Amino acid sequence: MNIIEFISQPWPWYVAGPLIGLTVPILLLIGNKSFGISSNLRHICAACIPAKIPFFQYDWKKEAWNLFFVVGIVIGGFIAATFLTNPEPVLVNQQLATDLSAYGITNYQNIVPEDLFNWNSLFSLRGFLLMVVGGFLVGFGTRYAGGCTSGHAIMGLSTLQWPSLIATICFMIGGFIMANLILPLILSL
């Protein structure tokens, strides 16, 4: 098996889980750093917007390491999408495929169904709700909760932060409600 075949395979939980889990003690040991993705938008705005907005008046350069982490995510995503894509359609459970076909979702050639996520559907009510309103709610919720799922569920829970436990429970409840109650309504539009 060559290296491309090796890294193209899904990693088992007993490899990926500990690697993710080890980021927390490593970050704490190398300088009491906190892990999270959503805070990088604030760092980018603080670096690029010269206005005297109090929210952006801090030393963002101390958090430059986290910006490199996000750049690495973008570069890694590009490399994976360019060189490690699987030409086969995404495997979807037959029961799920049957359920989704009732909503007109039948194309599984890509990671996300093109029946839902494309430029034409952006201008439909269903697409607008999923992409624009959903994106706004994710951004608003991230700011309101004081961090994203990775920041709270990985870093916050690992450091026994009470607000992170509450936020993670709310993320899970919101996900269950969305997936089981709201999403079927949106998909039926």
Protein backbone atom coordinates (compact mmCIF):
# COMPACT_ATOMS: atom_id res chain seq x y z
CA MET A 1 0.00 0.00 0.00
CA ASN A 2 1.48 3.35 -1.02
CA ILE A 3 1.28 6.52 1.08
CA ILE A 4 -1.63 8.02 -0.92
CA GLU A 5 -3.74 4.89 -0.39
CA PHE A 6 -2.82 4.87 3.29
CA ILE A 7 -3.82 8.47 4.02
CA SER A 8 -6.91 8.22 1.81
CA GLN A 9 -8.49 5.66 4.13
CA PRO A 10 -10.63 6.79 7.07
CA TRP A 11 -8.63 6.75 10.28
CA PRO A 12 -10.01 4.53 13.03
CA TRP A 13 -11.34 6.15 16.18
CA TYR A 14 -8.47 4.79 18.27
CA VAL A 15 -5.99 6.82 16.18
CA ALA A 16 -7.95 9.98 15.40
CA GLY A 17 -9.55 10.33 18.85
CA PRO A 18 -6.31 10.30 20.85
CA LEU A 19 -4.66 12.67 18.35
CA ILE A 20 -7.49 15.15 18.80
CA GLY A 21 -7.47 14.60 22.55
CA LEU A 22 -3.72 15.16 22.80
CA THR A 23 -4.02 18.64 21.30
CA VAL A 24 -5.41 19.93 24.60
CA PRO A 25 -2.52 18.99 26.91
CA ILE A 26 0.02 19.92 24.23
CA LEU A 27 -1.51 23.40 23.88
CA LEU A 28 -1.64 23.84 27.64
CA LEU A 29 1.96 22.70 28.02
CA ILE A 30 3.42 24.89 25.28
CA GLY A 31 2.01 28.12 26.62
CA ASN A 32 -1.45 27.82 28.14
CA LYS A 33 -3.04 28.26 24.73
CA SER A 34 -6.71 27.70 24.04
CA PHE A 35 -7.98 25.74 21.04
CA GLY A 36 -10.88 26.96 18.91
CA ILE A 37 -11.64 27.88 15.35
CA SER A 38 -14.28 30.60 15.55
CA SER A 39 -12.07 33.06 17.45
CA ASN A 40 -9.91 33.36 14.34
CA LEU A 41 -12.51 35.55 12.65
CA ARG A 42 -12.01 38.04 15.46
CA HIS A 43 -8.21 37.81 15.05
CA ILE A 44 -8.48 38.41 11.30
CA CYS A 45 -10.79 41.40 11.82
CA ALA A 46 -8.48 42.83 14.49
CA ALA A 47 -5.54 42.50 12.10
CA CYS A 48 -7.29 43.87 9.01
CA ILE A 49 -9.77 46.48 10.27
CA PRO A 50 -8.02 49.66 11.38
CA ALA A 51 -11.16 51.07 13.07
CA LYS A 52 -11.12 51.76 16.79
CA ILE A 53 -13.79 49.21 17.65
CA PRO A 54 -13.24 48.13 21.27
CA PHE A 55 -13.96 44.46 20.55
CA PHE A 56 -10.99 44.38 18.15
CA GLN A 57 -8.60 46.36 20.36
CA TYR A 58 -6.32 43.65 21.76
CA ASP A 59 -2.98 42.09 20.89
CA TRP A 60 -4.10 39.67 18.18
CA LYS A 61 -0.47 38.83 17.38
CA LYS A 62 -0.34 36.66 20.51
CA GLU A 63 -2.94 34.45 18.83
CA ALA A 64 -1.17 34.26 15.44
CA TRP A 65 -0.42 30.57 16.05
CA ASN A 66 -4.16 29.87 15.83
CA LEU A 67 -4.32 31.69 12.48
CA PHE A 68 -1.60 29.35 11.18
CA PHE A 69 -3.71 26.44 12.40
CA VAL A 70 -6.69 27.67 10.35
CA VAL A 71 -4.48 28.28 7.30
CA GLY A 72 -3.29 24.68 7.72
CA ILE A 73 -6.91 23.51 7.74
CA VAL A 74 -7.60 25.38 4.50
CA ILE A 75 -4.43 24.06 2.83
CA GLY A 76 -5.15 20.54 4.07
CA GLY A 77 -8.70 20.75 2.74
CA PHE A 78 -7.39 21.91 -0.64
CA ILE A 79 -4.83 19.10 -0.78
CA ALA A 80 -7.43 16.51 0.22
CA ALA A 81 -9.98 17.79 -2.30
CA THR A 82 -7.40 17.95 -5.07
CA PHE A 83 -5.33 14.82 -4.55
CA LEU A 84 -7.24 12.48 -2.24
CA THR A 85 -10.76 12.52 -3.63
CA ASN A 86 -12.54 9.25 -4.07
CA PRO A 87 -14.11 9.02 -7.54
CA GLU A 88 -16.83 6.71 -6.23
CA PRO A 89 -20.15 8.18 -5.06
CA VAL A 90 -20.58 8.68 -1.33
CA LEU A 91 -22.00 5.54 0.25
CA VAL A 92 -25.34 6.32 1.83
CA ASN A 93 -27.41 3.90 3.87
CA GLN A 94 -30.29 2.62 1.75
CA GLN A 95 -32.93 3.70 4.29
CA LEU A 96 -31.49 7.21 4.35
CA ALA A 97 -31.33 7.30 0.55
CA THR A 98 -35.00 6.29 0.42
CA ASP A 99 -35.95 8.97 2.95
CA LEU A 100 -33.94 11.65 1.13
CA SER A 101 -35.34 10.73 -2.27
CA ALA A 102 -38.76 11.79 -0.96
CA TYR A 103 -37.27 15.29 -0.70
CA GLY A 104 -35.72 15.15 -4.18
CA ILE A 105 -32.18 14.42 -2.97
CA THR A 106 -30.68 11.69 -5.11
CA ASN A 107 -27.19 12.86 -6.15
CA TYR A 108 -24.43 11.50 -3.89
CA GLN A 109 -21.46 12.17 -6.19
CA ASN A 110 -19.93 14.71 -3.76
CA ILE A 111 -19.50 15.10 -0.03
CA VAL A 112 -22.57 17.35 0.16
CA PRO A 113 -25.61 16.68 -2.02
CA GLU A 114 -25.64 18.96 -5.04
CA ASP A 115 -29.43 18.74 -4.96
CA LEU A 116 -29.25 20.98 -1.88
CA PHE A 117 -26.00 22.92 -2.08
CA ASN A 118 -25.52 24.71 -5.41
CA TRP A 119 -25.89 28.24 -6.75
CA ASN A 120 -29.36 27.64 -8.15
CA SER A 121 -30.76 26.29 -4.89
CA LEU A 122 -29.30 29.27 -3.03
CA PHE A 123 -32.05 31.35 -4.61
CA SER A 124 -34.82 28.98 -3.52
CA LEU A 125 -36.49 29.24 -0.11
CA ARG A 126 -35.09 25.86 0.94
CA GLY A 127 -31.54 26.71 -0.15
CA PHE A 128 -31.71 30.19 1.37
CA LEU A 129 -32.84 28.76 4.71
CA LEU A 130 -30.16 26.07 4.72
CA MET A 131 -27.22 28.14 3.51
CA VAL A 132 -27.83 31.77 4.45
CA VAL A 133 -30.07 31.56 7.50
CA GLY A 134 -28.26 28.44 8.72
CA GLY A 135 -24.89 30.15 8.29
CA PHE A 136 -26.11 33.22 10.17
CA LEU A 137 -27.44 31.08 13.01
CA VAL A 138 -24.16 29.18 13.28
CA GLY A 139 -22.23 32.45 13.44
CA PHE A 140 -24.64 34.04 15.90
CA GLY A 141 -24.71 30.93 18.08
CA THR A 142 -20.94 30.71 18.09
CA ARG A 143 -20.64 34.29 19.26
CA TYR A 144 -23.49 33.96 21.76
CA ALA A 145 -22.01 30.76 23.25
CA GLY A 146 -18.56 32.30 23.45
CA GLY A 147 -17.03 29.74 21.12
CA CYS A 148 -17.61 26.98 18.63
CA THR A 149 -18.15 23.27 19.09
CA SER A 150 -14.45 22.47 18.84
CA GLY A 151 -13.53 25.12 21.38
CA HIS A 152 -16.17 24.10 23.88
CA ALA A 153 -16.42 20.35 23.34
CA ILE A 154 -12.70 19.64 22.97
CA MET A 155 -10.88 22.35 24.89
CA GLY A 156 -13.55 23.51 27.32
CA LEU A 157 -14.70 20.09 28.48
CA SER A 158 -11.11 18.89 28.79
CA THR A 159 -10.31 21.78 31.10
CA LEU A 160 -13.53 21.25 33.10
CA GLN A 161 -15.16 24.53 32.12
CA TRP A 162 -18.77 24.69 33.34
CA PRO A 163 -19.91 27.03 30.49
CA SER A 164 -18.46 24.58 27.96
CA LEU A 165 -20.48 21.74 29.43
CA ILE A 166 -23.66 23.82 29.14
CA ALA A 167 -22.76 24.92 25.61
CA THR A 168 -21.99 21.36 24.50
CA ILE A 169 -25.27 20.06 25.92
CA CYS A 170 -27.09 22.87 24.09
CA PHE A 171 -25.21 22.05 20.85
CA MET A 172 -26.34 18.43 21.14
CA ILE A 173 -29.96 19.31 21.94
CA GLY A 174 -30.02 21.82 19.09
CA GLY A 175 -28.57 19.23 16.71
CA PHE A 176 -31.18 16.65 17.67
CA ILE A 177 -34.02 19.15 17.29
CA MET A 178 -32.68 20.38 13.95
CA ALA A 179 -32.05 16.93 12.48
CA ASN A 180 -35.32 15.38 13.62
CA LEU A 181 -37.86 18.21 13.65
CA ILE A 182 -36.78 21.30 11.70
CA LEU A 183 -34.71 19.85 8.83
CA PRO A 184 -37.54 17.63 7.54
CA LEU A 185 -39.77 20.71 7.39
CA ILE A 186 -37.15 22.71 5.49
CA LEU A 187 -36.44 19.84 3.11
CA SER A 188 -40.13 19.52 2.29
CA LEU A 189 -40.26 23.12 0.99
